[in-house]
Amino acid sequence: MLPVTSSPMAATAAPPHPRVFSPTAVVASCVGFMLIGALQALYGPAIPAFREEFGLSPSAAGLGLSAHFVGGMAGVLLFDRLYGRIGNRLILGASYLLMAAGAAGFALAPDWPLALAMALLAGLGFGGIDYGLNQLFAVGFGHRSTAMLNILNAHFGIGAILGPVLIGAVGSAHYPAVFLGFALLNLPLLLCLRGVRDRAPQPSEAHAESSGGQLLGRSLGSVLAVFVALYVLHVGIEAGVGGWEPTHLETVGHGAGFAATATSVYWLMMTMGRFLVAPIALRFSAQAIITVSCAGMTVCLLLAAIPGLAPYAYAGVGLFIAPIFPTCLPWLHRAAPRARRAGALVIAASMVGGVVAGPALGKAIEWSGVRSVPLLLGAVSALCLAATVWLIRATRPR
């Protein structure tokens, strides 16, 4: 692995890092990420009820999640414009209220167009929370930011696992009650915003003591473009495995029930991977962690082409892909500390990856067949590894 980016002597010499979160606010932020993970995962299991209640086709019912993602991208870009201009508490508070109002409106909407508008509104708040907390965690904990970001994003996975379980327990016909309950759970988090520093340090300020970020012969634009590509590609793999693993496993001879369980294990391993990498991130650099993650992900996807190994290989993909999203953010801020909108670009790009992955992979499967899924995703993973190696060379400290 690559050496750690800081030494004990450097840490001693650095000025104390300004405190951005109280302990209570850290816990509330993790709960907030559980809620946005649950919200994103609630739409899919509720589709049968949408179709019955509003008389929808499958494609029309799927627009609920699409509206959520469109709102999410708009929320990221909108709240990025406000970041640093108004207080962080107001940004986060408005995001929680928008998500609560949108979820409640979605539950009570009398027709599908209004329900889609409410999903868009909930997505707007979702994007604000996703961007706001990721941005603040990336600059708010000094050398511990990578570890804390992995813990924060692991709670997103917990919510994404629990959301479908809850819908399954009460029945999809009762989805309005679940969405209303979700909306109410947002409100107590507003009381915890007093523990968030209203003016957090900007990335350039937070990383002033770091020697990294020298773009060796590379333009800032090209480095940001490769970071964006890394986010789009790895989130495309994440969504591609989650969406196509059951179909691939059934095609190569596994039962439907086993395939569904294996897919749940994939998401579980992704959540566990973020908790497991948190202590590792205190000892090794972000570059080292992402390099190992991309290499391991590529190997596992190639192994998934072997039918007998496929379920276990997909679980390995979940474990290796887990740290990439949260670990890239501190590296990005160190590499380009004065590119204020860089965080918004990559978080919005991650949502684009989730939206584009489905149709793009579906078209490729039409040409090559379902059995090619792991090989297609493995090729994309190899591109992630190549992008990581390029970024390491381009952002190498002097």
Protein backbone atom coordinates (compact mmCIF):
# COMPACT_ATOMS: atom_id res chain seq x y z
CA MET A 1 0.00 0.00 0.00
CA LEU A 2 1.03 3.64 -0.35
CA PRO A 3 2.37 5.36 2.76
CA VAL A 4 0.11 7.43 4.93
CA THR A 5 -0.11 11.07 3.99
CA SER A 6 0.61 12.48 7.44
CA SER A 7 3.13 11.76 10.14
CA PRO A 8 2.84 12.06 13.94
CA MET A 9 5.26 15.03 13.83
CA ALA A 10 3.14 16.80 11.20
CA ALA A 11 -0.02 16.14 13.18
CA THR A 12 1.64 17.61 16.30
CA ALA A 13 2.79 20.69 14.43
CA ALA A 14 -0.58 21.39 12.81
CA PRO A 15 -2.92 23.85 14.49
CA PRO A 16 -5.96 22.42 16.26
CA HIS A 17 -8.71 21.64 13.80
CA PRO A 18 -11.87 23.73 14.34
CA ARG A 19 -14.72 21.69 15.77
CA VAL A 20 -17.64 21.48 13.35
CA PHE A 21 -19.92 18.89 15.05
CA SER A 22 -20.81 18.22 18.66
CA PRO A 23 -21.10 14.52 19.61
CA THR A 24 -24.89 14.83 19.53
CA ALA A 25 -24.78 16.38 16.06
CA VAL A 26 -22.54 13.55 14.82
CA VAL A 27 -25.09 10.97 15.98
CA ALA A 28 -27.96 12.99 14.48
CA SER A 29 -26.08 13.24 11.17
CA CYS A 30 -25.68 9.45 11.08
CA VAL A 31 -29.42 9.09 11.75
CA GLY A 32 -30.07 11.59 8.94
CA PHE A 33 -28.05 9.43 6.57
CA MET A 34 -30.02 6.36 7.63
CA LEU A 35 -33.18 8.26 6.72
CA ILE A 36 -31.99 9.29 3.25
CA GLY A 37 -30.85 5.71 2.62
CA ALA A 38 -34.27 4.43 3.65
CA LEU A 39 -36.11 7.00 1.52
CA GLN A 40 -34.20 6.03 -1.62
CA ALA A 41 -34.93 2.35 -0.96
CA LEU A 42 -38.65 2.77 -0.18
CA TYR A 43 -39.83 3.50 -3.72
CA GLY A 44 -38.92 0.16 -5.30
CA PRO A 45 -40.76 -2.18 -2.89
CA ALA A 46 -43.83 0.11 -3.01
CA ILE A 47 -44.14 -0.06 -6.83
CA PRO A 48 -46.86 -2.80 -6.80
CA ALA A 49 -49.04 -0.54 -4.66
CA PHE A 50 -48.39 2.49 -6.90
CA ARG A 51 -49.45 0.51 -9.94
CA GLU A 52 -52.65 -0.73 -8.34
CA GLU A 53 -53.66 2.57 -6.77
CA PHE A 54 -52.99 4.80 -9.78
CA GLY A 55 -53.33 2.27 -12.64
CA LEU A 56 -49.73 2.62 -13.80
CA SER A 57 -47.56 0.71 -16.22
CA PRO A 58 -44.22 -0.58 -14.86
CA SER A 59 -42.28 2.21 -16.57
CA ALA A 60 -44.64 4.90 -15.24
CA ALA A 61 -44.38 3.50 -11.71
CA GLY A 62 -40.59 3.59 -11.97
CA LEU A 63 -40.75 7.36 -12.50
CA GLY A 64 -41.13 7.78 -8.73
CA LEU A 65 -37.47 6.92 -8.14
CA SER A 66 -36.42 8.87 -11.23
CA ALA A 67 -38.16 11.99 -9.87
CA HIS A 68 -36.38 11.42 -6.57
CA PHE A 69 -32.97 11.32 -8.32
CA VAL A 70 -33.73 14.39 -10.44
CA GLY A 71 -34.67 16.26 -7.28
CA GLY A 72 -31.52 14.94 -5.60
CA MET A 73 -29.25 16.30 -8.33
CA ALA A 74 -31.07 19.64 -8.22
CA GLY A 75 -30.73 19.69 -4.43
CA VAL A 76 -26.97 19.09 -4.59
CA LEU A 77 -26.45 21.90 -7.11
CA LEU A 78 -28.85 24.31 -5.38
CA PHE A 79 -27.42 23.89 -1.92
CA ASP A 80 -23.88 24.08 -3.28
CA ARG A 81 -24.75 27.58 -4.47
CA LEU A 82 -25.84 28.43 -0.94
CA TYR A 83 -22.94 26.73 0.86
CA GLY A 84 -20.75 29.38 2.50
CA ARG A 85 -23.30 32.13 1.82
CA ILE A 86 -25.82 31.17 4.48
CA GLY A 87 -25.31 29.18 7.65
CA ASN A 88 -24.91 25.41 7.60
CA ARG A 89 -27.74 24.99 10.11
CA LEU A 90 -30.18 26.76 7.81
CA ILE A 91 -29.09 24.66 4.81
CA LEU A 92 -29.46 21.37 6.70
CA GLY A 93 -32.68 22.45 8.44
CA ALA A 94 -34.29 23.44 5.13
CA SER A 95 -33.19 20.11 3.62
CA TYR A 96 -34.76 18.06 6.42
CA LEU A 97 -37.99 20.05 6.13
CA LEU A 98 -38.13 19.66 2.34
CA MET A 99 -37.56 15.92 2.60
CA ALA A 100 -40.22 15.59 5.30
CA ALA A 101 -42.74 17.68 3.35
CA GLY A 102 -42.06 15.76 0.14
CA ALA A 103 -42.39 12.35 1.81
CA ALA A 104 -45.64 13.36 3.53
CA GLY A 105 -47.01 14.83 0.29
CA PHE A 106 -46.08 11.67 -1.60
CA ALA A 107 -47.99 9.59 0.95
CA LEU A 108 -51.11 11.75 0.72
CA ALA A 109 -51.09 12.64 -3.00
CA PRO A 110 -54.47 11.92 -4.65
CA ASP A 111 -53.01 11.39 -8.14
CA TRP A 112 -49.73 10.28 -9.72
CA PRO A 113 -48.58 13.66 -11.19
CA LEU A 114 -48.81 15.25 -7.74
CA ALA A 115 -47.06 12.23 -6.21
CA LEU A 116 -44.19 12.69 -8.69
CA ALA A 117 -43.96 16.38 -7.77
CA MET A 118 -43.73 15.42 -4.11
CA ALA A 119 -41.04 12.81 -4.87
CA LEU A 120 -39.12 15.58 -6.62
CA LEU A 121 -39.51 17.80 -3.53
CA ALA A 122 -38.35 15.01 -1.22
CA GLY A 123 -35.39 14.44 -3.54
CA LEU A 124 -34.49 18.12 -3.31
CA GLY A 125 -34.14 17.77 0.47
CA PHE A 126 -32.35 14.44 0.02
CA GLY A 127 -29.74 16.11 -2.21
CA GLY A 128 -29.21 18.92 0.29
CA ILE A 129 -28.58 16.49 3.14
CA ASP A 130 -26.39 14.22 1.02
CA TYR A 131 -24.25 17.12 -0.17
CA GLY A 132 -24.29 19.15 3.04
CA LEU A 133 -23.27 16.39 5.44
CA ASN A 134 -20.71 14.85 3.07
CA GLN A 135 -19.16 18.27 2.54
CA LEU A 136 -19.03 19.11 6.24
CA PHE A 137 -17.67 15.70 7.24
CA ALA A 138 -15.00 16.00 4.52
CA VAL A 139 -13.59 19.20 6.06
CA GLY A 140 -14.79 18.92 9.65
CA PHE A 141 -12.61 16.24 11.27
CA GLY A 142 -9.07 16.93 10.10
CA HIS A 143 -7.06 13.75 9.47
CA ARG A 144 -10.07 11.71 10.72
CA SER A 145 -12.36 12.97 7.95
CA THR A 146 -11.93 9.88 5.75
CA ALA A 147 -12.80 7.55 8.63
CA MET A 148 -15.80 9.66 9.66
CA LEU A 149 -17.09 9.86 6.08
CA ASN A 150 -17.01 6.07 5.83
CA ILE A 151 -18.97 5.77 9.09
CA LEU A 152 -21.49 8.38 7.89
CA ASN A 153 -22.06 6.64 4.55
CA ALA A 154 -22.28 3.23 6.23
CA HIS A 155 -25.44 4.51 7.94
CA PHE A 156 -26.88 5.25 4.49
CA GLY A 157 -26.49 1.53 3.80
CA ILE A 158 -28.23 0.62 7.05
CA GLY A 159 -31.22 2.73 6.01
CA ALA A 160 -31.21 1.23 2.51
CA ILE A 161 -31.41 -2.25 4.06
CA LEU A 162 -34.09 -1.38 6.63
CA GLY A 163 -36.41 0.53 4.25
CA PRO A 164 -37.42 -2.48 2.11
CA VAL A 165 -37.63 -4.66 5.23
CA LEU A 166 -40.16 -2.23 6.71
CA ILE A 167 -42.24 -2.14 3.52
CA GLY A 168 -42.14 -5.94 3.43
CA ALA A 169 -43.26 -6.17 7.06
CA VAL A 170 -46.31 -3.90 6.76
CA GLY A 171 -47.15 -4.69 3.11
CA SER A 172 -46.72 -2.43 0.09
CA ALA A 173 -50.39 -1.43 0.28
CA HIS A 174 -49.57 0.49 3.48
CA TYR A 175 -46.76 2.52 1.92
CA PRO A 176 -48.48 5.88 2.79
CA ALA A 177 -48.11 5.11 6.51
CA VAL A 178 -44.42 4.26 6.03
CA PHE A 179 -43.73 7.49 4.13
CA LEU A 180 -45.63 9.53 6.75
CA GLY A 181 -43.67 7.89 9.56
CA PHE A 182 -40.48 8.61 7.68
CA ALA A 183 -41.47 12.28 7.35
CA LEU A 184 -42.07 12.57 11.10
CA LEU A 185 -38.69 11.03 11.93
CA ASN A 186 -36.96 13.93 10.17
CA LEU A 187 -38.34 16.54 12.52
CA PRO A 188 -36.46 15.70 15.78
CA LEU A 189 -33.19 16.05 13.88
CA LEU A 190 -33.86 19.79 13.58
CA LEU A 191 -33.29 20.10 17.33
CA CYS A 192 -29.77 18.69 16.97
CA LEU A 193 -28.60 21.29 14.46
CA ARG A 194 -27.47 23.56 17.29
CA GLY A 195 -24.45 21.26 17.54
CA VAL A 196 -23.34 22.05 13.96
CA ARG A 197 -20.89 24.90 13.49
CA ASP A 198 -22.68 27.47 11.37
CA ARG A 199 -19.57 28.50 9.45
CA ALA A 200 -17.42 25.45 8.73
CA PRO A 201 -13.92 25.84 7.30
CA GLN A 202 -13.64 25.87 3.53
CA PRO A 203 -11.64 23.01 1.98
CA SER A 204 -8.66 25.30 1.28
CA GLU A 205 -8.66 26.41 4.92
CA ALA A 206 -9.14 22.94 6.32
CA HIS A 207 -6.24 21.50 4.34
CA ALA A 208 -3.90 24.46 4.63
CA GLU A 209 -1.47 22.41 6.67
CA SER A 210 -1.33 19.61 4.08
CA SER A 211 1.50 19.45 1.56
CA GLY A 212 -0.61 17.53 -0.98
CA GLY A 213 -2.56 18.78 -3.92
CA GLN A 214 0.23 19.73 -6.31
CA LEU A 215 -1.13 19.03 -9.78
CA LEU A 216 2.03 17.80 -11.45
CA GLY A 217 1.74 19.05 -15.04
CA ARG A 218 -2.04 18.57 -15.04
CA SER A 219 -4.75 21.20 -15.28
CA LEU A 220 -7.29 21.49 -12.51
CA GLY A 221 -10.04 20.84 -15.06
CA SER A 222 -8.57 17.51 -16.17
CA VAL A 223 -8.11 16.32 -12.58
CA LEU A 224 -11.70 17.23 -11.70
CA ALA A 225 -12.93 15.51 -14.87
CA VAL A 226 -11.20 12.26 -13.90
CA PHE A 227 -12.58 12.45 -10.35
CA VAL A 228 -16.07 12.93 -11.82
CA ALA A 229 -15.50 9.98 -14.17
CA LEU A 230 -14.38 7.82 -11.22
CA TYR A 231 -17.59 8.66 -9.36
CA VAL A 232 -19.87 8.10 -12.35
CA LEU A 233 -18.24 4.75 -13.18
CA HIS A 234 -18.09 3.28 -9.67
CA VAL A 235 -21.67 4.28 -8.84
CA GLY A 236 -22.69 2.75 -12.17
CA ILE A 237 -21.06 -0.51 -11.04
CA GLU A 238 -22.78 -0.26 -7.64
CA ALA A 239 -26.20 0.21 -9.25
CA GLY A 240 -25.45 -2.32 -11.99
CA VAL A 241 -24.63 -5.11 -9.54
CA GLY A 242 -27.62 -4.26 -7.35
CA GLY A 243 -29.97 -4.26 -10.33
CA TRP A 244 -28.63 -7.19 -12.38
CA GLU A 245 -27.11 -9.61 -9.85
CA PRO A 246 -30.42 -11.49 -9.28
CA THR A 247 -31.01 -11.90 -13.03
CA HIS A 248 -27.44 -13.04 -13.67
CA LEU A 249 -27.48 -15.56 -10.81
CA GLU A 250 -30.77 -17.05 -12.01
CA THR A 251 -29.44 -17.24 -15.57
CA VAL A 252 -26.39 -19.25 -14.47
CA GLY A 253 -28.50 -21.74 -12.51
CA HIS A 254 -29.20 -20.39 -9.03
CA GLY A 255 -32.74 -20.27 -7.64
CA ALA A 256 -34.74 -17.05 -7.46
CA GLY A 257 -34.86 -17.04 -3.66
CA PHE A 258 -31.12 -17.65 -3.39
CA ALA A 259 -30.43 -14.90 -5.95
CA ALA A 260 -32.51 -12.38 -3.98
CA THR A 261 -30.74 -13.31 -0.74
CA ALA A 262 -27.32 -13.02 -2.40
CA THR A 263 -28.21 -9.52 -3.59
CA SER A 264 -29.16 -8.54 -0.03
CA VAL A 265 -25.77 -9.86 1.11
CA TYR A 266 -24.11 -7.63 -1.51
CA TRP A 267 -25.73 -4.52 0.02
CA LEU A 268 -24.94 -5.75 3.53
CA MET A 269 -21.27 -6.23 2.64
CA MET A 270 -21.15 -2.71 1.25
CA THR A 271 -22.42 -1.35 4.55
CA MET A 272 -20.03 -3.48 6.58
CA GLY A 273 -17.12 -2.48 4.34
CA ARG A 274 -17.53 1.18 5.27
CA PHE A 275 -17.47 0.41 8.98
CA LEU A 276 -14.43 -1.86 8.54
CA VAL A 277 -12.42 0.69 6.56
CA ALA A 278 -12.88 3.49 9.14
CA PRO A 279 -9.96 2.38 11.38
CA ILE A 280 -7.89 1.53 8.30
CA ALA A 281 -8.36 5.09 7.02
CA LEU A 282 -6.54 6.41 10.12
CA ARG A 283 -3.37 4.54 9.07
CA PHE A 284 -3.37 4.49 5.27
CA SER A 285 -3.89 7.17 2.66
CA ALA A 286 -7.09 7.60 0.66
CA GLN A 287 -5.12 6.84 -2.51
CA ALA A 288 -3.97 3.49 -1.12
CA ILE A 289 -7.46 2.50 0.01
CA ILE A 290 -9.08 3.39 -3.32
CA THR A 291 -6.38 1.61 -5.32
CA VAL A 292 -6.88 -1.62 -3.35
CA SER A 293 -10.67 -1.18 -3.59
CA CYS A 294 -10.68 -0.80 -7.38
CA ALA A 295 -8.25 -3.70 -7.86
CA GLY A 296 -10.24 -5.99 -5.54
CA MET A 297 -13.52 -4.98 -7.16
CA THR A 298 -12.14 -5.80 -10.62
CA VAL A 299 -10.88 -9.22 -9.55
CA CYS A 300 -14.19 -10.08 -7.86
CA LEU A 301 -16.22 -9.09 -10.92
CA LEU A 302 -14.06 -11.30 -13.13
CA LEU A 303 -14.54 -14.19 -10.67
CA ALA A 304 -18.31 -13.59 -10.76
CA ALA A 305 -18.26 -14.87 -14.35
CA ILE A 306 -17.69 -18.37 -12.86
CA PRO A 307 -21.22 -19.62 -11.93
CA GLY A 308 -20.20 -21.47 -8.75
CA LEU A 309 -18.24 -18.50 -7.40
CA ALA A 310 -20.62 -15.75 -8.54
CA PRO A 311 -22.64 -15.23 -5.30
CA TYR A 312 -19.48 -15.01 -3.18
CA ALA A 313 -17.68 -12.84 -5.73
CA TYR A 314 -20.57 -10.35 -5.76
CA ALA A 315 -20.34 -10.14 -1.96
CA GLY A 316 -16.65 -9.32 -2.43
CA VAL A 317 -17.60 -6.56 -4.88
CA GLY A 318 -19.79 -5.02 -2.17
CA LEU A 319 -16.93 -5.14 0.32
CA PHE A 320 -14.37 -3.56 -2.03
CA ILE A 321 -16.62 -0.90 -3.57
CA ALA A 322 -17.78 0.31 -0.14
CA PRO A 323 -14.98 2.81 0.67
CA ILE A 324 -14.70 4.48 -2.74
CA PHE A 325 -17.50 7.07 -2.47
CA PRO A 326 -16.67 8.46 1.00
CA THR A 327 -12.88 8.06 0.72
CA CYS A 328 -12.58 10.02 -2.53
CA LEU A 329 -14.00 13.23 -1.04
CA PRO A 330 -11.11 14.11 1.34
CA TRP A 331 -8.62 13.20 -1.41
CA LEU A 332 -10.48 15.50 -3.81
CA HIS A 333 -10.42 18.37 -1.30
CA ARG A 334 -6.68 17.93 -0.73
CA ALA A 335 -5.95 17.67 -4.45
CA ALA A 336 -8.02 20.71 -5.42
CA PRO A 337 -8.59 22.74 -2.22
CA ARG A 338 -9.57 25.90 -4.11
CA ALA A 339 -12.10 24.23 -6.39
CA ARG A 340 -15.05 25.11 -4.20
CA ARG A 341 -17.67 23.32 -6.28
CA ALA A 342 -15.70 20.09 -6.69
CA GLY A 343 -17.64 18.25 -3.98
CA ALA A 344 -20.96 19.17 -5.57
CA LEU A 345 -19.76 18.01 -8.98
CA VAL A 346 -18.76 14.54 -7.83
CA ILE A 347 -21.83 13.99 -5.63
CA ALA A 348 -24.13 15.07 -8.47
CA ALA A 349 -22.09 12.84 -10.80
CA SER A 350 -22.70 9.89 -8.48
CA MET A 351 -26.43 10.35 -8.94
CA VAL A 352 -25.99 10.55 -12.72
CA GLY A 353 -24.15 7.23 -12.53
CA GLY A 354 -27.11 5.66 -10.74
CA VAL A 355 -29.57 6.99 -13.32
CA VAL A 356 -27.54 6.10 -16.42
CA ALA A 357 -26.32 2.66 -15.29
CA GLY A 358 -29.64 0.87 -15.80
CA PRO A 359 -30.39 1.72 -19.43
CA ALA A 360 -26.71 1.69 -20.50
CA LEU A 361 -26.07 -1.76 -19.01
CA GLY A 362 -29.41 -2.99 -20.35
CA LYS A 363 -28.45 -2.00 -23.90
CA ALA A 364 -25.06 -3.72 -23.55
CA ILE A 365 -26.77 -6.88 -22.26
CA GLU A 366 -29.08 -6.88 -25.31
CA TRP A 367 -25.97 -7.22 -27.48
CA SER A 368 -23.96 -9.68 -25.38
CA GLY A 369 -26.42 -11.56 -23.13
CA VAL A 370 -27.04 -11.71 -19.38
CA ARG A 371 -24.06 -14.00 -18.75
CA SER A 372 -21.77 -11.12 -19.73
CA VAL A 373 -22.92 -8.88 -16.84
CA PRO A 374 -19.88 -9.43 -14.58
CA LEU A 375 -17.45 -9.09 -17.49
CA LEU A 376 -19.05 -5.83 -18.65
CA LEU A 377 -18.93 -4.45 -15.11
CA GLY A 378 -15.39 -5.77 -14.72
CA ALA A 379 -14.32 -3.72 -17.73
CA VAL A 380 -15.85 -0.61 -16.14
CA SER A 381 -14.08 -1.45 -12.88
CA ALA A 382 -10.76 -1.67 -14.74
CA LEU A 383 -11.44 1.88 -15.96
CA CYS A 384 -11.94 2.93 -12.33
CA LEU A 385 -8.56 1.43 -11.47
CA ALA A 386 -6.91 3.23 -14.40
CA ALA A 387 -8.51 6.53 -13.34
CA THR A 388 -7.23 6.02 -9.78
CA VAL A 389 -3.65 5.37 -10.97
CA TRP A 390 -3.81 8.48 -13.18
CA LEU A 391 -5.07 10.62 -10.27
CA ILE A 392 -2.32 9.36 -7.97
CA ARG A 393 0.30 10.45 -10.49
CA ALA A 394 -1.43 13.77 -11.22
CA THR A 395 -1.92 14.78 -7.56
CA ARG A 396 1.33 13.39 -6.12
CA PRO A 397 2.75 15.69 -3.42
CA ARG A 398 6.16 17.17 -3.99
